[in-house]
Amino acid sequence: MTKRGTDWGSLVAGLLFLGLAVAFVVQGSGSWELNVMWLLPVLAVGLGLAALARALFRSRPRESGELPPPTDQG
């Protein structure tokens, strides 16, 4: 079995959508008023953070000592 790393971008995006789902459920119960004008900016910032996390963690070299594939400089 191969060891697979954590996909941090997907984890952040999943937590974002889970948080939005919880906000809609709580708003539907009537105990909290959800302002829809905040939905798109929160979604955009959250997905931007997910993309940033994916970019930062993908750029690091793997711990297994694997080298990136050689580039053709001919």
Protein backbone atom coordinates (compact mmCIF):
# COMPACT_ATOMS: atom_id res chain seq x y z
CA MET A 1 0.00 0.00 0.00
CA THR A 2 1.39 3.39 -0.94
CA LYS A 3 1.43 6.27 1.47
CA ARG A 4 -0.69 9.18 0.25
CA GLY A 5 -0.45 12.73 1.47
CA THR A 6 -3.27 14.91 2.70
CA ASP A 7 -4.93 17.09 0.06
CA TRP A 8 -5.14 20.30 2.09
CA GLY A 9 -6.97 22.27 -0.58
CA SER A 10 -9.80 19.75 -0.71
CA LEU A 11 -9.93 19.62 3.08
CA VAL A 12 -10.28 23.41 3.38
CA ALA A 13 -12.92 23.54 0.62
CA GLY A 14 -14.86 20.69 2.23
CA LEU A 15 -14.84 22.40 5.62
CA LEU A 16 -16.00 25.63 3.96
CA PHE A 17 -19.00 23.93 2.35
CA LEU A 18 -19.76 22.05 5.55
CA GLY A 19 -19.78 25.35 7.45
CA LEU A 20 -22.10 26.92 4.87
CA ALA A 21 -24.44 23.92 5.11
CA VAL A 22 -24.56 24.25 8.89
CA ALA A 23 -25.30 27.98 8.52
CA PHE A 24 -28.25 27.22 6.22
CA VAL A 25 -29.61 24.57 8.59
CA VAL A 26 -29.38 26.91 11.58
CA GLN A 27 -30.97 29.71 9.55
CA GLY A 28 -33.78 27.37 8.48
CA SER A 29 -34.56 26.57 12.10
CA GLY A 30 -35.30 30.25 12.67
CA SER A 31 -32.80 30.78 15.47
CA TRP A 32 -30.35 32.77 13.34
CA GLU A 33 -30.78 35.22 10.47
CA LEU A 34 -28.45 34.51 7.53
CA ASN A 35 -27.63 37.53 5.39
CA VAL A 36 -27.30 36.21 1.83
CA MET A 37 -25.18 39.21 0.83
CA TRP A 38 -22.30 37.64 2.76
CA LEU A 39 -22.57 34.27 1.01
CA LEU A 40 -20.60 35.04 -2.17
CA PRO A 41 -17.73 36.92 -0.48
CA VAL A 42 -17.34 34.19 2.16
CA LEU A 43 -17.42 31.53 -0.55
CA ALA A 44 -14.85 33.40 -2.66
CA VAL A 45 -12.47 33.95 0.27
CA GLY A 46 -12.84 30.35 1.43
CA LEU A 47 -12.15 28.90 -2.00
CA GLY A 48 -9.21 31.29 -2.36
CA LEU A 49 -7.80 29.94 0.90
CA ALA A 50 -8.32 26.39 -0.36
CA ALA A 51 -6.42 27.22 -3.56
CA LEU A 52 -3.64 28.85 -1.54
CA ALA A 53 -3.36 25.83 0.74
CA ARG A 54 -3.20 23.51 -2.27
CA ALA A 55 -0.53 25.64 -3.94
CA LEU A 56 1.63 25.91 -0.83
CA PHE A 57 1.54 22.24 0.07
CA ARG A 58 1.96 21.00 -3.52
CA SER A 59 5.14 23.04 -4.00
CA ARG A 60 7.01 21.33 -1.19
CA PRO A 61 9.24 18.38 -2.07
CA ARG A 62 8.02 14.99 -0.99
CA GLU A 63 9.52 13.45 2.13
CA SER A 64 10.14 10.11 0.43
CA GLY A 65 13.18 11.50 -1.36
CA GLU A 66 11.57 11.38 -4.79
CA LEU A 67 12.98 13.86 -7.26
CA PRO A 68 10.76 15.68 -9.72
CA PRO A 69 10.85 14.35 -13.29
CA PRO A 70 13.71 15.82 -15.37
CA THR A 71 12.92 18.65 -17.75
CA ASP A 72 13.99 18.56 -21.35
CA GLN A 73 16.58 21.31 -21.82
CA GLY A 74 17.85 20.23 -25.24
